[in-house]
Amino acid sequence: MSRRTIDLDDTLYQYLLDHSLREHPEQTALREATRLHPRAGMQISPEQGQFMTLLVKLIGARRTIEIGTFTGYSALTVALALPADGKVLACDISDEYTSVGKPYWRRAGVAEKIELMIAPAMQTLDTRIAAGETGRYDFAFIDADKEGYDGYYERCLRLVRTGGLIAFDNTLWSGKVARHADDGDTQALQALNEKLHQDERIDIAMLPIGDGLTLAVKR
């Protein structure tokens, strides 16, 4: 029995991976390739990816949104979890970063499931709303510029169906959200966390996975 989440030292964390992680070979290869990237810290952890895989399958997702693709590990992870006719709308502004993942998507056989849009995500989401896609998505993953999270949330809340799931990365932000902050990213996350906690349009859970993962189910 425990009244709080267990602390993970390196040995226990490795045990967790050894007894839980099931990666496609291309996921492992892309994760390893990204590990050498100068901004490798932007990638989600493998156990978070596996948890997202389970969530996507549990809700029977077919149409999904990703805001912030980086080198493509999370897009690959979600695409592998989708059925044959599933789609990931992947939004990013960097052709350089996202190009890293494309060969891995192809070799994993899911490149056709991923629609990559190199443009500001707000613009892409507004275009989809204007095109009448409100309520047509099952899952959204937000992992991009922190000051943009609130705007992404409001748009994703329109685009996902009732019972759809929105996941927010970095909501614990290395613990900085629990302390006084004078930087824009931390303040934006603090404001978002407070908003989500009080928002009656959703049911939420904030989990200590990776750098903090908040799940919001649209009522």
C-alpha atoms as a PDB file:
ATOM      1  CA  MET A   1       0.000   0.000   0.000  1.00  0.00           C
ATOM      2  CA  SER A   2       1.131   3.541  -0.675  1.00  0.00           C
ATOM      3  CA  ARG A   3      -0.488   6.911  -0.203  1.00  0.00           C
ATOM      4  CA  ARG A   4       1.604   8.628  -2.887  1.00  0.00           C
ATOM      5  CA  THR A   5       3.436   7.855  -6.114  1.00  0.00           C
ATOM      6  CA  ILE A   6       6.688   5.964  -5.630  1.00  0.00           C
ATOM      7  CA  ASP A   7      10.003   7.683  -6.357  1.00  0.00           C
ATOM      8  CA  LEU A   8      11.977   6.143  -9.223  1.00  0.00           C
ATOM      9  CA  ASP A   9      15.741   5.825  -8.950  1.00  0.00           C
ATOM     10  CA  ASP A  10      17.717   4.697 -12.007  1.00  0.00           C
ATOM     11  CA  THR A  11      17.576   1.022 -11.059  1.00  0.00           C
ATOM     12  CA  LEU A  12      13.815   0.998 -10.554  1.00  0.00           C
ATOM     13  CA  TYR A  13      13.250   3.061 -13.709  1.00  0.00           C
ATOM     14  CA  GLN A  14      15.240   0.533 -15.743  1.00  0.00           C
ATOM     15  CA  TYR A  15      13.211  -2.271 -14.175  1.00  0.00           C
ATOM     16  CA  LEU A  16      10.047  -0.465 -15.265  1.00  0.00           C
ATOM     17  CA  LEU A  17      11.291  -0.274 -18.846  1.00  0.00           C
ATOM     18  CA  ASP A  18      12.566  -3.852 -18.865  1.00  0.00           C
ATOM     19  CA  HIS A  19       9.228  -5.229 -17.667  1.00  0.00           C
ATOM     20  CA  SER A  20       6.817  -2.976 -19.543  1.00  0.00           C
ATOM     21  CA  LEU A  21       8.200  -1.370 -22.666  1.00  0.00           C
ATOM     22  CA  ARG A  22       7.137  -2.864 -26.007  1.00  0.00           C
ATOM     23  CA  GLU A  23       8.554  -0.757 -28.821  1.00  0.00           C
ATOM     24  CA  HIS A  24       8.466  -1.297 -32.543  1.00  0.00           C
ATOM     25  CA  PRO A  25      12.088  -1.518 -33.792  1.00  0.00           C
ATOM     26  CA  GLU A  26      11.656   1.789 -35.628  1.00  0.00           C
ATOM     27  CA  GLN A  27      10.493   3.469 -32.423  1.00  0.00           C
ATOM     28  CA  THR A  28      13.644   2.308 -30.675  1.00  0.00           C
ATOM     29  CA  ALA A  29      15.821   3.397 -33.589  1.00  0.00           C
ATOM     30  CA  LEU A  30      14.219   6.848 -33.791  1.00  0.00           C
ATOM     31  CA  ARG A  31      14.481   7.334 -30.041  1.00  0.00           C
ATOM     32  CA  GLU A  32      18.163   6.450 -30.166  1.00  0.00           C
ATOM     33  CA  ALA A  33      18.764   8.766 -33.128  1.00  0.00           C
ATOM     34  CA  THR A  34      17.027  11.599 -31.288  1.00  0.00           C
ATOM     35  CA  ARG A  35      19.087  10.988 -28.153  1.00  0.00           C
ATOM     36  CA  LEU A  36      22.064  12.544 -29.958  1.00  0.00           C
ATOM     37  CA  HIS A  37      20.083  15.606 -31.063  1.00  0.00           C
ATOM     38  CA  PRO A  38      21.044  18.947 -29.441  1.00  0.00           C
ATOM     39  CA  ARG A  39      17.445  19.348 -28.249  1.00  0.00           C
ATOM     40  CA  ALA A  40      16.882  15.727 -27.282  1.00  0.00           C
ATOM     41  CA  GLY A  41      15.129  16.775 -24.080  1.00  0.00           C
ATOM     42  CA  MET A  42      12.093  17.749 -26.147  1.00  0.00           C
ATOM     43  CA  GLN A  43      11.282  14.096 -26.857  1.00  0.00           C
ATOM     44  CA  ILE A  44       8.775  12.235 -24.705  1.00  0.00           C
ATOM     45  CA  SER A  45       9.965   9.319 -22.603  1.00  0.00           C
ATOM     46  CA  PRO A  46       9.378   5.775 -23.894  1.00  0.00           C
ATOM     47  CA  GLU A  47       7.101   4.849 -21.011  1.00  0.00           C
ATOM     48  CA  GLN A  48       4.979   7.911 -21.746  1.00  0.00           C
ATOM     49  CA  GLY A  49       4.774   6.840 -25.368  1.00  0.00           C
ATOM     50  CA  GLN A  50       3.643   3.388 -24.324  1.00  0.00           C
ATOM     51  CA  PHE A  51       1.009   4.874 -22.028  1.00  0.00           C
ATOM     52  CA  MET A  52      -0.283   7.020 -24.894  1.00  0.00           C
ATOM     53  CA  THR A  53      -0.432   3.912 -27.086  1.00  0.00           C
ATOM     54  CA  LEU A  54      -2.666   2.252 -24.514  1.00  0.00           C
ATOM     55  CA  LEU A  55      -4.897   5.320 -24.211  1.00  0.00           C
ATOM     56  CA  VAL A  56      -5.344   5.642 -27.968  1.00  0.00           C
ATOM     57  CA  LYS A  57      -6.336   1.987 -28.203  1.00  0.00           C
ATOM     58  CA  LEU A  58      -8.640   2.171 -25.186  1.00  0.00           C
ATOM     59  CA  ILE A  59     -10.705   5.003 -26.649  1.00  0.00           C
ATOM     60  CA  GLY A  60     -10.769   3.422 -30.111  1.00  0.00           C
ATOM     61  CA  ALA A  61      -9.184   6.489 -31.685  1.00  0.00           C
ATOM     62  CA  ARG A  62      -9.091   6.860 -35.468  1.00  0.00           C
ATOM     63  CA  ARG A  63      -8.468  10.571 -36.011  1.00  0.00           C
ATOM     64  CA  THR A  64      -5.870  12.280 -33.852  1.00  0.00           C
ATOM     65  CA  ILE A  65      -4.036  15.597 -33.559  1.00  0.00           C
ATOM     66  CA  GLU A  66      -0.478  16.242 -32.485  1.00  0.00           C
ATOM     67  CA  ILE A  67       0.787  19.744 -31.769  1.00  0.00           C
ATOM     68  CA  GLY A  68       4.579  19.700 -31.643  1.00  0.00           C
ATOM     69  CA  THR A  69       6.112  16.791 -33.549  1.00  0.00           C
ATOM     70  CA  PHE A  70       9.865  17.412 -33.094  1.00  0.00           C
ATOM     71  CA  THR A  71      11.676  14.395 -34.642  1.00  0.00           C
ATOM     72  CA  GLY A  72       8.513  12.337 -34.882  1.00  0.00           C
ATOM     73  CA  TYR A  73       8.677   9.745 -32.097  1.00  0.00           C
ATOM     74  CA  SER A  74       5.274  10.555 -30.620  1.00  0.00           C
ATOM     75  CA  ALA A  75       3.650  10.735 -34.065  1.00  0.00           C
ATOM     76  CA  LEU A  76       5.138   7.337 -34.880  1.00  0.00           C
ATOM     77  CA  THR A  77       3.942   5.959 -31.555  1.00  0.00           C
ATOM     78  CA  VAL A  78       0.360   7.125 -32.041  1.00  0.00           C
ATOM     79  CA  ALA A  79       0.265   6.090 -35.710  1.00  0.00           C
ATOM     80  CA  LEU A  80       1.334   2.559 -34.787  1.00  0.00           C
ATOM     81  CA  ALA A  81      -1.518   2.386 -32.275  1.00  0.00           C
ATOM     82  CA  LEU A  82      -4.174   3.425 -34.804  1.00  0.00           C
ATOM     83  CA  PRO A  83      -6.168   1.087 -37.043  1.00  0.00           C
ATOM     84  CA  ALA A  84      -5.347   0.855 -40.753  1.00  0.00           C
ATOM     85  CA  ASP A  85      -7.591   3.805 -41.606  1.00  0.00           C
ATOM     86  CA  GLY A  86      -6.380   5.965 -38.711  1.00  0.00           C
ATOM     87  CA  LYS A  87      -4.796   9.380 -39.186  1.00  0.00           C
ATOM     88  CA  VAL A  88      -2.468  11.680 -37.248  1.00  0.00           C
ATOM     89  CA  LEU A  89      -2.661  15.389 -38.040  1.00  0.00           C
ATOM     90  CA  ALA A  90       0.878  16.384 -37.023  1.00  0.00           C
ATOM     91  CA  CYS A  91       1.478  20.122 -36.577  1.00  0.00           C
ATOM     92  CA  ASP A  92       4.963  21.617 -36.394  1.00  0.00           C
ATOM     93  CA  ILE A  93       6.894  24.609 -37.706  1.00  0.00           C
ATOM     94  CA  SER A  94      10.235  22.880 -38.293  1.00  0.00           C
ATOM     95  CA  ASP A  95      10.852  20.957 -41.482  1.00  0.00           C
ATOM     96  CA  GLU A  96      14.395  20.294 -40.228  1.00  0.00           C
ATOM     97  CA  TYR A  97      13.333  18.514 -37.047  1.00  0.00           C
ATOM     98  CA  THR A  98      10.382  16.609 -38.488  1.00  0.00           C
ATOM     99  CA  SER A  99      12.454  15.373 -41.437  1.00  0.00           C
ATOM    100  CA  VAL A 100      14.454  13.256 -39.000  1.00  0.00           C
ATOM    101  CA  GLY A 101      11.466  11.014 -38.339  1.00  0.00           C
ATOM    102  CA  LYS A 102      10.152  10.540 -41.856  1.00  0.00           C
ATOM    103  CA  PRO A 103      12.398   7.580 -42.792  1.00  0.00           C
ATOM    104  CA  TYR A 104      11.380   5.797 -39.578  1.00  0.00           C
ATOM    105  CA  TRP A 105       7.693   6.433 -40.321  1.00  0.00           C
ATOM    106  CA  ARG A 106       8.156   4.904 -43.764  1.00  0.00           C
ATOM    107  CA  ARG A 107      10.044   1.848 -42.546  1.00  0.00           C
ATOM    108  CA  ALA A 108       7.408   1.261 -39.856  1.00  0.00           C
ATOM    109  CA  GLY A 109       4.725   1.340 -42.556  1.00  0.00           C
ATOM    110  CA  VAL A 110       2.754   4.255 -41.089  1.00  0.00           C
ATOM    111  CA  ALA A 111       3.889   7.240 -43.183  1.00  0.00           C
ATOM    112  CA  GLU A 112       0.518   7.327 -44.958  1.00  0.00           C
ATOM    113  CA  LYS A 113      -1.237   7.662 -41.612  1.00  0.00           C
ATOM    114  CA  ILE A 114       0.641  10.867 -40.712  1.00  0.00           C
ATOM    115  CA  GLU A 115      -0.427  14.160 -42.308  1.00  0.00           C
ATOM    116  CA  LEU A 116       2.387  16.555 -41.458  1.00  0.00           C
ATOM    117  CA  MET A 117       1.548  20.257 -41.611  1.00  0.00           C
ATOM    118  CA  ILE A 118       4.540  22.613 -41.482  1.00  0.00           C
ATOM    119  CA  ALA A 119       2.797  25.794 -40.381  1.00  0.00           C
ATOM    120  CA  PRO A 120       1.826  27.536 -37.131  1.00  0.00           C
ATOM    121  CA  ALA A 121      -0.467  25.105 -35.313  1.00  0.00           C
ATOM    122  CA  MET A 122      -3.049  27.777 -34.530  1.00  0.00           C
ATOM    123  CA  GLN A 123      -3.404  28.374 -38.258  1.00  0.00           C
ATOM    124  CA  THR A 124      -3.767  24.667 -39.016  1.00  0.00           C
ATOM    125  CA  LEU A 125      -6.338  24.127 -36.268  1.00  0.00           C
ATOM    126  CA  ASP A 126      -8.369  27.186 -37.252  1.00  0.00           C
ATOM    127  CA  THR A 127      -8.407  25.939 -40.836  1.00  0.00           C
ATOM    128  CA  ARG A 128      -9.747  22.552 -39.728  1.00  0.00           C
ATOM    129  CA  ILE A 129     -12.440  24.206 -37.611  1.00  0.00           C
ATOM    130  CA  ALA A 130     -13.436  26.414 -40.529  1.00  0.00           C
ATOM    131  CA  ALA A 131     -13.609  23.303 -42.720  1.00  0.00           C
ATOM    132  CA  GLY A 132     -16.294  21.841 -40.467  1.00  0.00           C
ATOM    133  CA  GLU A 133     -14.159  19.305 -38.586  1.00  0.00           C
ATOM    134  CA  THR A 134     -15.484  20.248 -35.147  1.00  0.00           C
ATOM    135  CA  GLY A 135     -16.051  17.117 -33.060  1.00  0.00           C
ATOM    136  CA  ARG A 136     -14.429  14.800 -35.596  1.00  0.00           C
ATOM    137  CA  TYR A 137     -11.249  13.916 -33.711  1.00  0.00           C
ATOM    138  CA  ASP A 138     -10.801  11.382 -30.932  1.00  0.00           C
ATOM    139  CA  PHE A 139      -7.461  12.329 -29.386  1.00  0.00           C
ATOM    140  CA  ALA A 140      -5.108  15.315 -29.252  1.00  0.00           C
ATOM    141  CA  PHE A 141      -1.592  15.575 -27.852  1.00  0.00           C
ATOM    142  CA  ILE A 142      -0.254  19.055 -27.043  1.00  0.00           C
ATOM    143  CA  ASP A 143       3.530  19.302 -26.712  1.00  0.00           C
ATOM    144  CA  ALA A 144       4.736  22.565 -28.224  1.00  0.00           C
ATOM    145  CA  ASP A 145       5.443  26.163 -27.128  1.00  0.00           C
ATOM    146  CA  LYS A 146       4.087  26.514 -23.617  1.00  0.00           C
ATOM    147  CA  GLU A 147       2.664  30.002 -24.035  1.00  0.00           C
ATOM    148  CA  GLY A 148       0.552  28.643 -26.871  1.00  0.00           C
ATOM    149  CA  TYR A 149      -0.961  25.792 -24.834  1.00  0.00           C
ATOM    150  CA  ASP A 150      -4.140  27.631 -23.867  1.00  0.00           C
ATOM    151  CA  GLY A 151      -4.930  28.547 -27.460  1.00  0.00           C
ATOM    152  CA  TYR A 152      -4.213  25.012 -28.625  1.00  0.00           C
ATOM    153  CA  TYR A 153      -6.437  23.660 -25.872  1.00  0.00           C
ATOM    154  CA  GLU A 154      -9.421  25.790 -26.810  1.00  0.00           C
ATOM    155  CA  ARG A 155      -9.157  24.740 -30.447  1.00  0.00           C
ATOM    156  CA  CYS A 156      -8.616  21.069 -29.661  1.00  0.00           C
ATOM    157  CA  LEU A 157     -11.596  21.148 -27.309  1.00  0.00           C
ATOM    158  CA  ARG A 158     -13.700  22.140 -30.305  1.00  0.00           C
ATOM    159  CA  LEU A 159     -12.140  19.579 -32.630  1.00  0.00           C
ATOM    160  CA  VAL A 160     -12.364  16.508 -30.379  1.00  0.00           C
ATOM    161  CA  ARG A 161     -15.652  14.702 -29.886  1.00  0.00           C
ATOM    162  CA  THR A 162     -17.526  14.349 -26.633  1.00  0.00           C
ATOM    163  CA  GLY A 163     -15.636  11.642 -24.749  1.00  0.00           C
ATOM    164  CA  GLY A 164     -12.482  12.492 -26.699  1.00  0.00           C
ATOM    165  CA  LEU A 165      -9.163  12.857 -24.939  1.00  0.00           C
ATOM    166  CA  ILE A 166      -6.672  15.736 -24.872  1.00  0.00           C
ATOM    167  CA  ALA A 167      -3.207  15.080 -23.397  1.00  0.00           C
ATOM    168  CA  PHE A 168      -0.862  17.891 -22.335  1.00  0.00           C
ATOM    169  CA  ASP A 169       2.870  17.283 -21.945  1.00  0.00           C
ATOM    170  CA  ASN A 170       5.228  19.037 -19.492  1.00  0.00           C
ATOM    171  CA  THR A 171       2.541  20.101 -17.037  1.00  0.00           C
ATOM    172  CA  LEU A 172       4.884  19.574 -14.061  1.00  0.00           C
ATOM    173  CA  TRP A 173       7.752  21.345 -15.892  1.00  0.00           C
ATOM    174  CA  SER A 174      10.616  19.890 -13.826  1.00  0.00           C
ATOM    175  CA  GLY A 175       8.789  20.978 -10.676  1.00  0.00           C
ATOM    176  CA  LYS A 176       8.902  24.676 -11.546  1.00  0.00           C
ATOM    177  CA  VAL A 177       5.112  24.997 -11.704  1.00  0.00           C
ATOM    178  CA  ALA A 178       4.963  24.470  -7.926  1.00  0.00           C
ATOM    179  CA  ARG A 179       7.266  27.428  -7.242  1.00  0.00           C
ATOM    180  CA  HIS A 180       7.271  31.172  -7.834  1.00  0.00           C
ATOM    181  CA  ALA A 181       8.077  31.816 -11.461  1.00  0.00           C
ATOM    182  CA  ASP A 182       9.016  34.872 -13.479  1.00  0.00           C
ATOM    183  CA  ASP A 183       9.509  33.218 -16.871  1.00  0.00           C
ATOM    184  CA  GLY A 184       6.766  33.092 -19.463  1.00  0.00           C
ATOM    185  CA  ASP A 185       6.753  29.327 -20.038  1.00  0.00           C
ATOM    186  CA  THR A 186       6.325  28.443 -16.380  1.00  0.00           C
ATOM    187  CA  GLN A 187       3.702  31.108 -15.828  1.00  0.00           C
ATOM    188  CA  ALA A 188       1.772  29.877 -18.867  1.00  0.00           C
ATOM    189  CA  LEU A 189       1.788  26.318 -17.546  1.00  0.00           C
ATOM    190  CA  GLN A 190       0.749  27.454 -14.078  1.00  0.00           C
ATOM    191  CA  ALA A 191      -2.189  29.370 -15.563  1.00  0.00           C
ATOM    192  CA  LEU A 192      -3.146  26.410 -17.749  1.00  0.00           C
ATOM    193  CA  ASN A 193      -3.000  23.951 -14.855  1.00  0.00           C
ATOM    194  CA  GLU A 194      -5.258  26.196 -12.802  1.00  0.00           C
ATOM    195  CA  LYS A 195      -7.659  26.636 -15.721  1.00  0.00           C
ATOM    196  CA  LEU A 196      -7.877  22.900 -16.398  1.00  0.00           C
ATOM    197  CA  HIS A 197      -8.474  22.170 -12.732  1.00  0.00           C
ATOM    198  CA  GLN A 198     -11.473  24.502 -12.679  1.00  0.00           C
ATOM    199  CA  ASP A 199     -12.809  23.818 -16.198  1.00  0.00           C
ATOM    200  CA  GLU A 200     -16.245  22.167 -16.005  1.00  0.00           C
ATOM    201  CA  ARG A 201     -16.100  21.222 -19.696  1.00  0.00           C
ATOM    202  CA  ILE A 202     -13.687  18.374 -18.954  1.00  0.00           C
ATOM    203  CA  ASP A 203     -12.719  15.649 -16.510  1.00  0.00           C
ATOM    204  CA  ILE A 204      -8.993  15.638 -15.742  1.00  0.00           C
ATOM    205  CA  ALA A 205      -6.111  13.765 -14.171  1.00  0.00           C
ATOM    206  CA  MET A 206      -2.581  15.124 -13.795  1.00  0.00           C
ATOM    207  CA  LEU A 207      -0.052  12.294 -13.745  1.00  0.00           C
ATOM    208  CA  PRO A 208       3.662  12.250 -12.787  1.00  0.00           C
ATOM    209  CA  ILE A 209       4.682  10.551 -16.037  1.00  0.00           C
ATOM    210  CA  GLY A 210       7.645  12.011 -17.911  1.00  0.00           C
ATOM    211  CA  ASP A 211       7.648  15.736 -17.149  1.00  0.00           C
ATOM    212  CA  GLY A 212       4.003  15.671 -16.124  1.00  0.00           C
ATOM    213  CA  LEU A 213       1.113  14.512 -18.294  1.00  0.00           C
ATOM    214  CA  THR A 214      -2.382  15.935 -17.865  1.00  0.00           C
ATOM    215  CA  LEU A 215      -5.310  14.094 -19.409  1.00  0.00           C
ATOM    216  CA  ALA A 216      -8.581  15.881 -20.153  1.00  0.00           C
ATOM    217  CA  VAL A 217     -11.725  14.073 -21.324  1.00  0.00           C
ATOM    218  CA  LYS A 218     -14.286  16.286 -23.040  1.00  0.00           C
ATOM    219  CA  ARG A 219     -17.669  16.107 -21.346  1.00  0.00           C
END
